[in-house]
C-alpha cells in the first residue's frame, strides 16, 4: 500500500486492514518456521505496513479527539 492510499482510509478501514495484515504476518511466520519462505523480505514488509497503518490510525484518532 502506498502512503496516499493509507491516508485515504477511514478509522474502521484502518483497523480492518491492520487485522488482515496481522493474520497475514502470522501465517508468513508459521510458514517460514516450517520451511523457508520463498521471499523472506515479505515478513519485514508486512511488519512495516502494520506500523504505517498504526501510525495513521493514531494520527486520525488524535485529530478526532482534538476537534
N, C-alpha and C. Protein backbone atom coordinates (compact mmCIF):
# COMPACT_ATOMS: atom_id res chain seq x y z
N UNK A 1 0.84 -1.19 0.00
CA UNK A 1 0.00 0.00 0.00
C UNK A 1 0.88 1.24 0.00
N UNK A 2 0.44 2.21 -0.74
CA UNK A 2 1.18 3.45 -0.80
C UNK A 2 0.68 4.40 0.28
N UNK A 3 1.50 5.41 0.56
CA UNK A 3 1.21 6.35 1.62
C UNK A 3 -0.14 7.05 1.42
N UNK A 4 -0.41 7.51 0.21
CA UNK A 4 -1.67 8.22 -0.03
C UNK A 4 -2.87 7.28 0.05
N UNK A 5 -2.68 5.99 -0.25
CA UNK A 5 -3.77 5.02 -0.10
C UNK A 5 -4.10 4.81 1.37
N UNK A 6 -3.07 4.79 2.21
CA UNK A 6 -3.28 4.62 3.64
C UNK A 6 -3.99 5.83 4.22
N UNK A 7 -3.59 7.03 3.81
CA UNK A 7 -4.21 8.26 4.31
C UNK A 7 -5.68 8.36 3.92
N UNK A 8 -6.06 7.76 2.82
CA UNK A 8 -7.44 7.84 2.34
C UNK A 8 -8.39 6.93 3.13
N UNK A 9 -7.86 6.00 3.90
CA UNK A 9 -8.70 5.06 4.62
C UNK A 9 -9.33 5.70 5.85
N UNK A 10 -10.52 5.22 6.22
CA UNK A 10 -11.18 5.69 7.44
C UNK A 10 -10.63 4.89 8.62
N UNK A 11 -11.03 5.29 9.82
CA UNK A 11 -10.55 4.62 11.03
C UNK A 11 -10.96 3.14 11.03
N UNK A 12 -12.20 2.86 10.64
CA UNK A 12 -12.67 1.48 10.62
C UNK A 12 -11.91 0.66 9.58
N UNK A 13 -11.69 1.27 8.43
CA UNK A 13 -10.95 0.57 7.38
C UNK A 13 -9.51 0.31 7.81
N UNK A 14 -8.91 1.26 8.53
CA UNK A 14 -7.55 1.07 9.03
C UNK A 14 -7.50 -0.12 9.99
N UNK A 15 -8.47 -0.20 10.89
CA UNK A 15 -8.49 -1.30 11.84
C UNK A 15 -8.69 -2.64 11.14
N UNK A 16 -9.54 -2.68 10.13
CA UNK A 16 -9.74 -3.91 9.37
C UNK A 16 -8.46 -4.31 8.65
N UNK A 17 -7.80 -3.32 8.07
CA UNK A 17 -6.55 -3.58 7.34
C UNK A 17 -5.46 -4.08 8.28
N UNK A 18 -5.39 -3.51 9.48
CA UNK A 18 -4.40 -3.94 10.47
C UNK A 18 -4.65 -5.39 10.85
N UNK A 19 -5.90 -5.74 11.12
CA UNK A 19 -6.22 -7.12 11.48
C UNK A 19 -5.88 -8.10 10.36
N UNK A 20 -6.20 -7.73 9.13
CA UNK A 20 -5.91 -8.60 8.00
C UNK A 20 -4.40 -8.77 7.82
N UNK A 21 -3.67 -7.68 7.98
CA UNK A 21 -2.21 -7.75 7.80
C UNK A 21 -1.55 -8.54 8.93
N UNK A 22 -2.09 -8.44 10.14
CA UNK A 22 -1.56 -9.22 11.26
C UNK A 22 -1.75 -10.72 11.01
N UNK A 23 -2.91 -11.09 10.48
CA UNK A 23 -3.14 -12.50 10.16
C UNK A 23 -2.18 -12.98 9.09
N UNK A 24 -1.97 -12.14 8.08
CA UNK A 24 -1.04 -12.49 7.01
C UNK A 24 0.37 -12.67 7.56
N UNK A 25 0.79 -11.78 8.45
CA UNK A 25 2.12 -11.87 9.05
C UNK A 25 2.26 -13.15 9.88
N UNK A 26 1.23 -13.49 10.62
CA UNK A 26 1.26 -14.70 11.43
C UNK A 26 1.41 -15.94 10.54
N UNK A 27 0.65 -15.98 9.45
CA UNK A 27 0.75 -17.11 8.52
C UNK A 27 2.14 -17.18 7.89
N UNK A 28 2.69 -16.02 7.55
CA UNK A 28 4.04 -15.98 6.96
C UNK A 28 5.07 -16.51 7.95
N UNK A 29 4.94 -16.12 9.21
CA UNK A 29 5.90 -16.57 10.23
C UNK A 29 5.82 -18.08 10.43
N UNK A 30 4.59 -18.61 10.48
CA UNK A 30 4.45 -20.05 10.63
C UNK A 30 5.01 -20.80 9.43
N UNK A 31 4.72 -20.29 8.25
CA UNK A 31 5.23 -20.93 7.03
C UNK A 31 6.75 -20.87 6.99
N UNK A 32 7.31 -19.79 7.46
CA UNK A 32 8.77 -19.63 7.45
C UNK A 32 9.42 -20.53 8.49
N UNK A 33 8.73 -20.78 9.59
CA UNK A 33 9.27 -21.66 10.63
C UNK A 33 9.32 -23.11 10.15
N UNK A 34 8.33 -23.51 9.37
CA UNK A 34 8.25 -24.88 8.87
C UNK A 34 9.27 -25.11 7.76
N UNK A 35 9.21 -24.26 6.76
CA UNK A 35 10.19 -24.33 5.67
C UNK A 35 10.43 -22.90 5.19
N UNK A 36 11.64 -22.59 4.80
CA UNK A 36 11.94 -21.20 4.42
C UNK A 36 11.00 -20.67 3.33
N UNK A 37 10.51 -19.48 3.57
CA UNK A 37 9.60 -18.82 2.63
C UNK A 37 10.40 -18.42 1.40
N UNK A 38 9.73 -18.39 0.26
CA UNK A 38 10.38 -18.05 -1.00
C UNK A 38 11.01 -16.66 -0.94
N UNK A 39 10.29 -15.69 -0.36
CA UNK A 39 10.81 -14.33 -0.25
C UNK A 39 10.67 -13.87 1.21
N UNK A 40 11.70 -14.05 2.04
CA UNK A 40 11.59 -13.68 3.45
C UNK A 40 11.46 -12.17 3.70
N UNK A 41 11.72 -11.35 2.69
CA UNK A 41 11.56 -9.91 2.84
C UNK A 41 10.09 -9.53 3.00
N UNK A 42 9.18 -10.43 2.60
CA UNK A 42 7.75 -10.15 2.76
C UNK A 42 7.39 -10.02 4.23
N UNK A 43 8.10 -10.74 5.11
CA UNK A 43 7.84 -10.64 6.54
C UNK A 43 8.16 -9.23 7.02
N UNK A 44 9.30 -8.71 6.62
CA UNK A 44 9.69 -7.36 7.01
C UNK A 44 8.73 -6.32 6.44
N UNK A 45 8.36 -6.49 5.17
CA UNK A 45 7.43 -5.55 4.54
C UNK A 45 6.09 -5.55 5.26
N UNK A 46 5.64 -6.71 5.69
CA UNK A 46 4.37 -6.82 6.39
C UNK A 46 4.44 -6.10 7.74
N UNK A 47 5.53 -6.27 8.45
CA UNK A 47 5.70 -5.58 9.74
C UNK A 47 5.70 -4.06 9.55
N UNK A 48 6.38 -3.61 8.52
CA UNK A 48 6.45 -2.17 8.26
C UNK A 48 5.08 -1.61 7.88
N UNK A 49 4.32 -2.36 7.10
CA UNK A 49 2.99 -1.92 6.71
C UNK A 49 2.09 -1.82 7.94
N UNK A 50 2.18 -2.77 8.84
CA UNK A 50 1.40 -2.72 10.08
C UNK A 50 1.75 -1.47 10.87
N UNK A 51 3.04 -1.16 10.95
CA UNK A 51 3.47 0.04 11.68
C UNK A 51 2.94 1.31 11.02
N UNK A 52 2.96 1.36 9.70
CA UNK A 52 2.44 2.53 8.99
C UNK A 52 0.94 2.69 9.25
N UNK A 53 0.21 1.57 9.23
CA UNK A 53 -1.22 1.62 9.47
C UNK A 53 -1.52 2.10 10.89
N UNK A 54 -0.76 1.59 11.86
CA UNK A 54 -0.94 2.03 13.25
C UNK A 54 -0.64 3.51 13.40
N UNK A 55 0.38 4.00 12.72
CA UNK A 55 0.74 5.41 12.80
C UNK A 55 -0.39 6.28 12.27
N UNK A 56 -0.93 5.92 11.14
CA UNK A 56 -2.03 6.68 10.55
C UNK A 56 -3.28 6.60 11.44
N UNK A 57 -3.53 5.44 12.03
CA UNK A 57 -4.67 5.28 12.93
C UNK A 57 -4.52 6.21 14.13
N UNK A 58 -3.33 6.29 14.69
CA UNK A 58 -3.07 7.16 15.83
C UNK A 58 -3.29 8.62 15.46
N UNK A 59 -2.79 9.02 14.30
CA UNK A 59 -2.97 10.40 13.85
C UNK A 59 -4.45 10.74 13.69
N UNK A 60 -5.21 9.83 13.10
CA UNK A 60 -6.64 10.10 12.88
C UNK A 60 -7.42 10.15 14.19
N UNK A 61 -7.08 9.29 15.14
CA UNK A 61 -7.80 9.31 16.42
C UNK A 61 -7.45 10.56 17.21
N UNK A 62 -6.23 11.02 17.10
CA UNK A 62 -5.85 12.27 17.80
C UNK A 62 -6.55 13.46 17.17
N UNK A 63 -6.72 13.46 15.87
CA UNK A 63 -7.42 14.57 15.21
C UNK A 63 -8.87 14.63 15.66
N UNK A 64 -9.51 13.48 15.81
CA UNK A 64 -10.91 13.48 16.23
C UNK A 64 -11.04 13.87 17.70
N UNK A 65 -10.06 13.55 18.52
CA UNK A 65 -10.10 13.93 19.93
C UNK A 65 -9.87 15.41 20.12
N UNK A 66 -9.00 15.99 19.31
CA UNK A 66 -8.69 17.41 19.44
C UNK A 66 -9.76 18.30 18.84
N UNK A 67 -10.57 17.77 17.96
CA UNK A 67 -11.60 18.59 17.30
C UNK A 67 -12.82 18.78 18.16
